[in-house]
Amino acid sequence: MTGLRVLVVDDERPALDELTFLLGRDERVGTVLAAASATEALRLLRETGVDAVFLDVQMPGLSGLELGELLGNFRTPPRIVFVTAHEEHALQAFDLQAVDYVLKPVRADRLAEAVRRLGGPAEAPSAPADVQIPVELGGVTRFVQRSAITHVEAQGDYARLHTGEGSHLVRTPLTALEDEWGAAGFVRIHRSLLVSMQHVTEVRMDAGRCSVVVSGGAELGVSRRHTRQLRERLARRNQA
């Protein structure tokens, strides 16, 4: 099977060389082309087609985001992976249907994951089965579907499960729920909050601060420490 044909675009020579080297070592990649500017990239793309473009965001002249818009007008648009030190452009990248958004400094394992996603959803993993969570309500045990939970809030050694219809306190620490429900799409966005990715309807940035809005309208603050993880998970959801 022929490997992927990819183009790396970065105006900084060390970053360009490093990414070209790492991609060249990946057995799933057959050809790696390199361009030090968006203009050079367009010239190469007029001469030869590629499967994917690994694209920096901030470059002199035409930016990576502007180049991404142009690529979307190609008859057969290449898939795009943004590779940048600037996490604040992730939402714009998602609007361009980027396959992934990798933050610098680039880790080899993170880049390998981006290449894996380029292979296309040959066989998408099955979604974790929904489960029923027992909760106490007025002395009566009732059950809440995990899929209905928008977010979880830590309250000491307990956790409060929030749904569109109300909230319920359970005798389980937040860390235990994070470990158990991570595969079902629950992500920590603050030391006291987990959010269900399937219920995130909006991401807001204001003066460098990030928050998410979930089904039902609740707005939840995202700590600086957890913003990067949230952005990467949003990128995966966008590609799914």
Protein backbone atom coordinates (compact mmCIF):
# COMPACT_ATOMS: atom_id res chain seq x y z
CA MET A 1 0.00 0.00 0.00
CA THR A 2 1.36 3.44 -0.98
CA GLY A 3 1.99 5.74 1.96
CA LEU A 4 0.46 9.15 2.48
CA ARG A 5 1.76 12.11 0.47
CA VAL A 6 2.06 15.06 2.85
CA LEU A 7 3.21 18.66 2.66
CA VAL A 8 4.71 20.47 5.64
CA VAL A 9 4.39 24.28 5.70
CA ASP A 10 6.28 26.34 8.29
CA ASP A 11 8.27 29.56 7.95
CA GLU A 12 10.66 28.58 10.77
CA ARG A 13 13.38 26.31 9.37
CA PRO A 14 14.07 24.31 12.59
CA ALA A 15 10.38 23.51 13.00
CA LEU A 16 10.07 22.66 9.30
CA ASP A 17 13.06 20.31 9.44
CA GLU A 18 11.91 18.62 12.65
CA LEU A 19 8.41 17.95 11.39
CA THR A 20 9.69 16.72 8.04
CA PHE A 21 12.07 14.34 9.85
CA LEU A 22 9.41 12.97 12.21
CA LEU A 23 6.89 12.41 9.43
CA GLY A 24 9.54 10.76 7.27
CA ARG A 25 10.10 8.15 10.00
CA ASP A 26 6.41 7.18 10.07
CA GLU A 27 5.84 4.04 7.99
CA ARG A 28 2.36 5.27 7.05
CA VAL A 29 3.86 8.27 5.25
CA GLY A 30 5.35 7.68 1.81
CA THR A 31 6.34 11.17 0.63
CA VAL A 32 7.08 14.35 2.58
CA LEU A 33 7.28 17.70 0.78
CA ALA A 34 8.30 20.93 2.53
CA ALA A 35 7.52 24.61 2.00
CA ALA A 36 8.75 27.61 3.98
CA SER A 37 5.79 29.83 3.07
CA ALA A 38 2.16 29.67 1.97
CA THR A 39 3.18 30.98 -1.46
CA GLU A 40 5.69 28.18 -1.92
CA ALA A 41 3.10 25.68 -0.71
CA LEU A 42 0.59 26.82 -3.33
CA ARG A 43 3.23 26.50 -6.04
CA LEU A 44 3.96 22.91 -4.98
CA LEU A 45 0.27 22.07 -4.80
CA ARG A 46 -0.27 23.31 -8.34
CA GLU A 47 2.42 20.88 -9.48
CA THR A 48 1.48 17.82 -7.44
CA GLY A 49 -1.35 16.59 -5.28
CA VAL A 50 -1.01 15.60 -1.65
CA ASP A 51 -3.22 13.76 0.82
CA ALA A 52 -2.61 16.13 3.71
CA VAL A 53 -0.97 19.42 4.69
CA PHE A 54 0.69 19.96 8.07
CA LEU A 55 0.29 23.68 8.44
CA ASP A 56 1.67 26.34 10.77
CA VAL A 57 -0.75 29.15 11.67
CA GLN A 58 1.26 32.36 12.03
CA MET A 59 3.45 33.01 8.98
CA PRO A 60 4.49 36.16 7.10
CA GLY A 61 2.22 37.11 4.22
CA LEU A 62 -0.54 34.56 3.83
CA SER A 63 -1.29 32.97 7.22
CA GLY A 64 -1.92 29.28 7.76
CA LEU A 65 -5.62 29.91 8.37
CA GLU A 66 -5.90 31.89 5.12
CA LEU A 67 -4.10 29.12 3.25
CA GLY A 68 -6.45 26.62 4.84
CA GLU A 69 -9.41 28.52 3.41
CA LEU A 70 -7.86 28.41 -0.05
CA LEU A 71 -7.24 24.68 0.21
CA GLY A 72 -10.92 24.19 0.92
CA ASN A 73 -11.67 25.48 -2.58
CA PHE A 74 -9.56 22.81 -4.29
CA ARG A 75 -11.46 20.25 -6.36
CA THR A 76 -10.01 17.58 -4.06
CA PRO A 77 -9.06 19.44 -0.88
CA PRO A 78 -6.18 17.92 1.08
CA ARG A 79 -6.81 17.13 4.71
CA ILE A 80 -5.33 19.68 7.11
CA VAL A 81 -3.45 19.25 10.36
CA PHE A 82 -2.50 22.51 12.05
CA VAL A 83 0.80 22.42 13.95
CA THR A 84 1.34 25.58 15.95
CA ALA A 85 2.44 27.08 19.24
CA HIS A 86 -0.70 29.23 19.36
CA GLU A 87 -3.64 27.43 20.94
CA GLU A 88 -6.00 30.40 20.59
CA HIS A 89 -6.66 29.64 16.90
CA ALA A 90 -8.11 26.17 17.48
CA LEU A 91 -11.75 27.18 17.01
CA GLN A 92 -10.99 28.80 13.65
CA ALA A 93 -9.14 25.65 12.66
CA PHE A 94 -12.18 23.54 13.50
CA ASP A 95 -14.30 25.79 11.27
CA LEU A 96 -11.96 24.83 8.42
CA GLN A 97 -12.66 21.15 9.13
CA ALA A 98 -9.09 20.47 10.28
CA VAL A 99 -8.39 16.83 11.02
CA ASP A 100 -6.27 17.73 14.03
CA TYR A 101 -4.69 20.62 15.92
CA VAL A 102 -1.26 19.77 17.32
CA LEU A 103 0.47 22.15 19.70
CA LYS A 104 4.21 22.83 19.66
CA PRO A 105 6.60 21.63 20.92
CA VAL A 106 5.53 18.57 18.95
CA ARG A 107 5.75 15.19 20.66
CA ALA A 108 6.43 12.21 18.40
CA ASP A 109 3.53 10.22 19.88
CA ARG A 110 1.12 13.15 19.42
CA LEU A 111 2.19 13.55 15.79
CA ALA A 112 1.73 9.81 15.23
CA GLU A 113 -1.84 10.16 16.50
CA ALA A 114 -2.47 12.94 13.98
CA VAL A 115 -1.18 10.70 11.17
CA ARG A 116 -3.47 7.93 12.36
CA ARG A 117 -6.48 10.21 12.03
CA LEU A 118 -5.47 11.09 8.49
CA GLY A 119 -5.97 7.46 7.51
CA GLY A 120 -9.72 8.04 7.66
CA PRO A 121 -12.38 6.33 9.73
CA ALA A 122 -11.91 2.88 8.20
CA GLU A 123 -13.50 1.35 11.21
CA ALA A 124 -14.76 3.80 13.79
CA PRO A 125 -14.58 2.54 17.37
CA SER A 126 -17.92 1.67 18.85
CA ALA A 127 -19.29 4.11 21.41
CA PRO A 128 -19.21 3.00 25.04
CA ALA A 129 -22.52 1.57 26.16
CA ASP A 130 -24.78 3.87 28.14
CA VAL A 131 -25.24 3.02 31.79
CA GLN A 132 -27.79 3.81 34.46
CA ILE A 133 -26.60 5.63 37.57
CA PRO A 134 -28.52 4.94 40.82
CA VAL A 135 -29.37 8.13 42.76
CA GLU A 136 -31.31 8.72 45.95
CA LEU A 137 -34.33 11.00 45.69
CA GLY A 138 -36.59 11.42 48.70
CA GLY A 139 -35.62 8.04 50.13
CA VAL A 140 -36.29 6.32 46.81
CA THR A 141 -33.58 4.97 44.51
CA ARG A 142 -34.01 6.17 40.96
CA PHE A 143 -31.83 5.77 37.88
CA VAL A 144 -30.28 8.46 35.67
CA GLN A 145 -28.89 7.69 32.23
CA ARG A 146 -25.24 8.65 32.02
CA SER A 147 -25.87 10.05 28.53
CA ALA A 148 -28.23 12.62 30.10
CA ILE A 149 -25.53 14.05 32.39
CA THR A 150 -24.12 17.35 31.11
CA HIS A 151 -21.46 17.87 33.78
CA VAL A 152 -20.29 16.67 37.18
CA GLU A 153 -19.32 18.91 40.08
CA ALA A 154 -17.12 17.87 43.00
CA GLN A 155 -18.53 18.39 46.47
CA GLY A 156 -15.97 17.04 48.93
CA ASP A 157 -15.92 13.24 48.70
CA TYR A 158 -19.21 13.37 46.80
CA ALA A 159 -20.10 14.39 43.25
CA ARG A 160 -23.16 16.22 41.95
CA LEU A 161 -24.49 14.98 38.62
CA HIS A 162 -26.17 17.67 36.54
CA THR A 163 -28.78 16.91 33.88
CA GLY A 164 -31.21 19.07 31.98
CA GLU A 165 -33.86 18.22 34.58
CA GLY A 166 -31.94 18.81 37.80
CA SER A 167 -29.01 17.49 39.82
CA HIS A 168 -28.27 14.50 42.04
CA LEU A 169 -25.63 13.89 44.70
CA VAL A 170 -23.78 10.57 44.60
CA ARG A 171 -21.26 9.10 47.03
CA THR A 172 -18.43 8.86 44.53
CA PRO A 173 -15.38 11.17 44.33
CA LEU A 174 -14.87 13.16 41.14
CA THR A 175 -11.52 11.47 40.47
CA ALA A 176 -13.17 8.04 40.47
CA LEU A 177 -15.81 9.19 37.97
CA GLU A 178 -13.10 10.72 35.77
CA ASP A 179 -11.28 7.38 35.62
CA GLU A 180 -14.47 5.40 35.02
CA TRP A 181 -16.20 7.74 32.55
CA GLY A 182 -13.25 9.10 30.57
CA ALA A 183 -13.86 6.64 27.73
CA ALA A 184 -17.48 7.84 27.56
CA GLY A 185 -16.37 11.40 26.78
CA PHE A 186 -16.20 13.03 30.22
CA VAL A 187 -13.26 15.47 30.43
CA ARG A 188 -11.94 17.41 33.39
CA ILE A 189 -12.06 21.16 32.71
CA HIS A 190 -11.39 22.33 36.28
CA ARG A 191 -10.22 20.68 39.48
CA SER A 192 -13.87 20.49 40.54
CA LEU A 193 -15.62 19.90 37.19
CA LEU A 194 -16.05 17.20 34.57
CA VAL A 195 -17.96 17.95 31.37
CA SER A 196 -19.59 15.58 28.91
CA MET A 197 -18.16 16.37 25.47
CA GLN A 198 -21.38 15.32 23.75
CA HIS A 199 -23.23 18.07 25.61
CA VAL A 200 -20.77 20.91 24.81
CA THR A 201 -22.65 23.29 22.51
CA GLU A 202 -20.35 26.32 22.57
CA VAL A 203 -16.81 27.35 23.52
CA ARG A 204 -16.22 30.95 24.56
CA MET A 205 -12.94 32.89 24.83
CA ASP A 206 -12.87 36.20 26.68
CA ALA A 207 -9.64 38.01 27.58
CA GLY A 208 -7.72 34.75 27.48
CA ARG A 209 -10.23 32.91 29.63
CA CYS A 210 -12.07 29.88 28.31
CA SER A 211 -15.53 28.59 29.17
CA VAL A 212 -17.96 26.08 27.69
CA VAL A 213 -21.73 26.11 27.40
CA VAL A 214 -23.53 22.79 27.79
CA SER A 215 -27.00 21.57 26.87
CA GLY A 216 -29.49 23.48 28.99
CA GLY A 217 -27.45 26.69 28.87
CA ALA A 218 -25.09 26.36 31.84
CA GLU A 219 -21.74 28.10 31.32
CA LEU A 220 -18.73 26.43 32.95
CA GLY A 221 -15.30 27.94 33.45
CA VAL A 222 -12.28 26.07 32.10
CA SER A 223 -9.04 26.44 34.05
CA ARG A 224 -5.89 27.43 32.17
CA ARG A 225 -4.36 24.12 33.14
CA HIS A 226 -7.11 22.14 31.39
CA THR A 227 -7.71 24.36 28.34
CA ARG A 228 -5.20 22.51 26.15
CA GLN A 229 -6.73 19.11 26.89
CA LEU A 230 -10.19 20.45 26.12
CA ARG A 231 -9.08 21.86 22.76
CA GLU A 232 -7.51 18.55 21.75
CA ARG A 233 -10.66 16.65 22.69
CA LEU A 234 -12.77 19.12 20.71
CA ALA A 235 -10.56 18.49 17.70
CA ARG A 236 -11.15 14.75 18.01
CA ARG A 237 -14.89 15.24 18.32
CA ASN A 238 -14.88 17.48 15.25
CA GLN A 239 -13.21 14.73 13.24
CA ALA A 240 -15.44 11.91 14.55
